[in-house]
N, C-alpha and C. Protein backbone atom coordinates (compact mmCIF):
# COMPACT_ATOMS: atom_id res chain seq x y z
N MET A 1 -63.05 66.57 -55.96
CA MET A 1 -62.41 67.63 -55.22
C MET A 1 -61.02 67.15 -54.80
N PRO A 2 -59.99 67.94 -55.02
CA PRO A 2 -58.63 67.51 -54.67
C PRO A 2 -58.42 67.43 -53.15
N ARG A 3 -57.48 66.59 -52.79
CA ARG A 3 -57.15 66.41 -51.39
C ARG A 3 -56.42 67.62 -50.84
N ARG A 4 -56.58 67.88 -49.54
CA ARG A 4 -55.86 68.99 -48.92
C ARG A 4 -54.38 68.67 -48.83
N LYS A 5 -53.57 69.70 -48.99
CA LYS A 5 -52.13 69.49 -48.93
C LYS A 5 -51.63 69.46 -47.49
N GLU A 6 -52.27 70.23 -46.61
CA GLU A 6 -51.85 70.22 -45.21
C GLU A 6 -52.93 69.52 -44.37
N ALA A 7 -52.49 68.93 -43.28
CA ALA A 7 -53.43 68.23 -42.39
C ALA A 7 -54.23 69.24 -41.59
N GLU A 8 -55.49 68.91 -41.35
CA GLU A 8 -56.34 69.79 -40.54
C GLU A 8 -55.89 69.73 -39.09
N GLN A 9 -55.93 70.88 -38.43
CA GLN A 9 -55.56 70.93 -37.02
C GLN A 9 -56.81 71.26 -36.21
N PHE A 10 -57.00 70.53 -35.12
CA PHE A 10 -58.16 70.73 -34.26
C PHE A 10 -57.70 71.12 -32.87
N ALA A 11 -58.58 71.77 -32.14
CA ALA A 11 -58.29 72.15 -30.76
C ALA A 11 -58.26 70.89 -29.90
N VAL A 12 -57.48 70.95 -28.84
CA VAL A 12 -57.39 69.83 -27.91
C VAL A 12 -58.67 69.77 -27.08
N VAL A 13 -59.23 68.60 -26.96
CA VAL A 13 -60.46 68.43 -26.19
C VAL A 13 -60.07 68.18 -24.73
N GLU A 14 -60.51 69.05 -23.86
CA GLU A 14 -60.21 68.93 -22.43
C GLU A 14 -61.33 68.17 -21.73
N GLU A 15 -61.08 67.81 -20.48
CA GLU A 15 -62.09 67.14 -19.68
C GLU A 15 -63.17 68.15 -19.30
N LYS A 16 -64.42 67.73 -19.35
CA LYS A 16 -65.54 68.60 -19.01
C LYS A 16 -65.48 68.88 -17.51
N ASP A 17 -65.45 70.17 -17.13
CA ASP A 17 -65.38 70.50 -15.71
C ASP A 17 -66.53 71.40 -15.27
N CYS A 18 -67.46 71.67 -16.15
CA CYS A 18 -68.59 72.53 -15.85
C CYS A 18 -69.86 71.74 -16.21
N TRP A 19 -70.73 71.53 -15.24
CA TRP A 19 -71.89 70.68 -15.44
C TRP A 19 -73.18 71.42 -15.21
N HIS A 20 -74.18 71.13 -16.01
CA HIS A 20 -75.54 71.62 -15.81
C HIS A 20 -76.31 70.48 -15.16
N LEU A 21 -77.31 70.82 -14.36
CA LEU A 21 -78.06 69.79 -13.65
C LEU A 21 -78.67 68.76 -14.59
N TYR A 22 -79.15 69.19 -15.75
CA TYR A 22 -79.74 68.25 -16.71
C TYR A 22 -78.70 67.31 -17.29
N GLY A 23 -77.47 67.76 -17.42
CA GLY A 23 -76.40 66.91 -17.92
C GLY A 23 -76.05 65.80 -16.95
N LEU A 24 -76.17 66.08 -15.65
CA LEU A 24 -75.88 65.07 -14.65
C LEU A 24 -76.93 63.96 -14.65
N GLN A 25 -78.14 64.28 -15.05
CA GLN A 25 -79.22 63.29 -15.04
C GLN A 25 -78.99 62.16 -16.04
N ASP A 26 -78.27 62.42 -17.11
CA ASP A 26 -78.08 61.43 -18.17
C ASP A 26 -76.89 60.51 -17.94
N LEU A 27 -76.13 60.74 -16.87
CA LEU A 27 -74.93 59.95 -16.65
C LEU A 27 -75.24 58.57 -16.07
N ALA A 28 -74.38 57.63 -16.41
CA ALA A 28 -74.47 56.31 -15.80
C ALA A 28 -74.11 56.44 -14.32
N PRO A 29 -74.62 55.54 -13.47
CA PRO A 29 -74.38 55.67 -12.03
C PRO A 29 -72.90 55.77 -11.64
N THR A 30 -72.03 55.01 -12.27
CA THR A 30 -70.61 55.07 -11.92
C THR A 30 -69.99 56.41 -12.32
N LYS A 31 -70.33 56.90 -13.50
CA LYS A 31 -69.84 58.20 -13.97
C LYS A 31 -70.41 59.32 -13.10
N PHE A 32 -71.68 59.20 -12.72
CA PHE A 32 -72.32 60.19 -11.86
C PHE A 32 -71.58 60.29 -10.53
N ALA A 33 -71.25 59.16 -9.94
CA ALA A 33 -70.54 59.15 -8.66
C ALA A 33 -69.17 59.81 -8.78
N LYS A 34 -68.47 59.56 -9.88
CA LYS A 34 -67.15 60.17 -10.08
C LYS A 34 -67.26 61.68 -10.24
N VAL A 35 -68.25 62.14 -11.01
CA VAL A 35 -68.43 63.56 -11.24
C VAL A 35 -68.83 64.27 -9.95
N ILE A 36 -69.75 63.69 -9.20
CA ILE A 36 -70.19 64.30 -7.94
C ILE A 36 -69.02 64.38 -6.96
N SER A 37 -68.19 63.36 -6.94
CA SER A 37 -67.00 63.38 -6.08
C SER A 37 -66.09 64.55 -6.44
N LYS A 38 -65.89 64.78 -7.74
CA LYS A 38 -65.05 65.89 -8.18
C LYS A 38 -65.69 67.24 -7.88
N ILE A 39 -67.03 67.31 -7.97
CA ILE A 39 -67.74 68.55 -7.63
C ILE A 39 -67.55 68.87 -6.16
N LEU A 40 -67.68 67.85 -5.30
CA LEU A 40 -67.53 68.06 -3.86
C LEU A 40 -66.09 68.41 -3.48
N GLN A 41 -65.12 67.95 -4.27
CA GLN A 41 -63.72 68.29 -4.02
C GLN A 41 -63.36 69.68 -4.55
N GLY A 42 -64.26 70.26 -5.33
CA GLY A 42 -64.01 71.59 -5.88
C GLY A 42 -63.26 71.59 -7.21
N ARG A 43 -63.06 70.41 -7.80
CA ARG A 43 -62.36 70.33 -9.09
C ARG A 43 -63.30 70.57 -10.25
N HIS A 44 -64.58 70.29 -10.08
CA HIS A 44 -65.62 70.56 -11.08
C HIS A 44 -66.65 71.46 -10.43
N TRP A 45 -67.50 72.08 -11.25
CA TRP A 45 -68.54 72.94 -10.69
C TRP A 45 -69.83 72.80 -11.47
N VAL A 46 -70.92 73.21 -10.82
CA VAL A 46 -72.27 73.08 -11.39
C VAL A 46 -72.78 74.48 -11.74
N ILE A 47 -73.36 74.58 -12.92
CA ILE A 47 -73.97 75.84 -13.35
C ILE A 47 -75.33 75.94 -12.69
N ASN A 48 -75.60 77.07 -12.05
CA ASN A 48 -76.92 77.29 -11.47
C ASN A 48 -77.91 77.64 -12.57
N PRO A 49 -79.04 76.92 -12.63
CA PRO A 49 -80.02 77.23 -13.66
C PRO A 49 -80.72 78.57 -13.38
N GLU A 50 -81.06 79.26 -14.42
CA GLU A 50 -81.80 80.51 -14.29
C GLU A 50 -83.26 80.18 -13.98
N VAL A 51 -83.77 80.72 -12.90
CA VAL A 51 -85.16 80.50 -12.51
C VAL A 51 -85.93 81.79 -12.78
N PRO A 52 -86.99 81.72 -13.59
CA PRO A 52 -87.78 82.90 -13.86
C PRO A 52 -88.35 83.49 -12.57
N GLU A 53 -88.46 84.79 -12.55
CA GLU A 53 -88.96 85.48 -11.37
C GLU A 53 -90.40 85.05 -11.08
N GLY A 54 -90.70 84.84 -9.82
CA GLY A 54 -92.06 84.46 -9.43
C GLY A 54 -92.27 82.97 -9.29
N ILE A 55 -91.26 82.14 -9.62
CA ILE A 55 -91.40 80.70 -9.49
C ILE A 55 -90.62 80.26 -8.25
N ASP A 56 -91.29 79.55 -7.35
CA ASP A 56 -90.67 79.05 -6.14
C ASP A 56 -90.37 77.56 -6.33
N LEU A 57 -89.09 77.20 -6.41
CA LEU A 57 -88.71 75.81 -6.67
C LEU A 57 -89.07 74.90 -5.50
N ARG A 58 -89.20 75.44 -4.30
CA ARG A 58 -89.54 74.62 -3.15
C ARG A 58 -90.97 74.09 -3.24
N SER A 59 -91.81 74.74 -4.03
CA SER A 59 -93.20 74.30 -4.14
C SER A 59 -93.39 73.23 -5.21
N LEU A 60 -92.35 72.91 -5.95
CA LEU A 60 -92.49 71.92 -7.03
C LEU A 60 -92.40 70.52 -6.53
């Protein structure tokens, strides 16, 4: 297959600023502390998980 004549262009990858609770669980402790600090400052935010109707999370 011949080589492309023009270079491929990709979108710029930005810093992740939207977090799901499960994504926070996989972070290393130092990264977790940095992300939580940014969440508390209002620079990042957490997505609220959808809870099916009839399930009380306080009972878990």
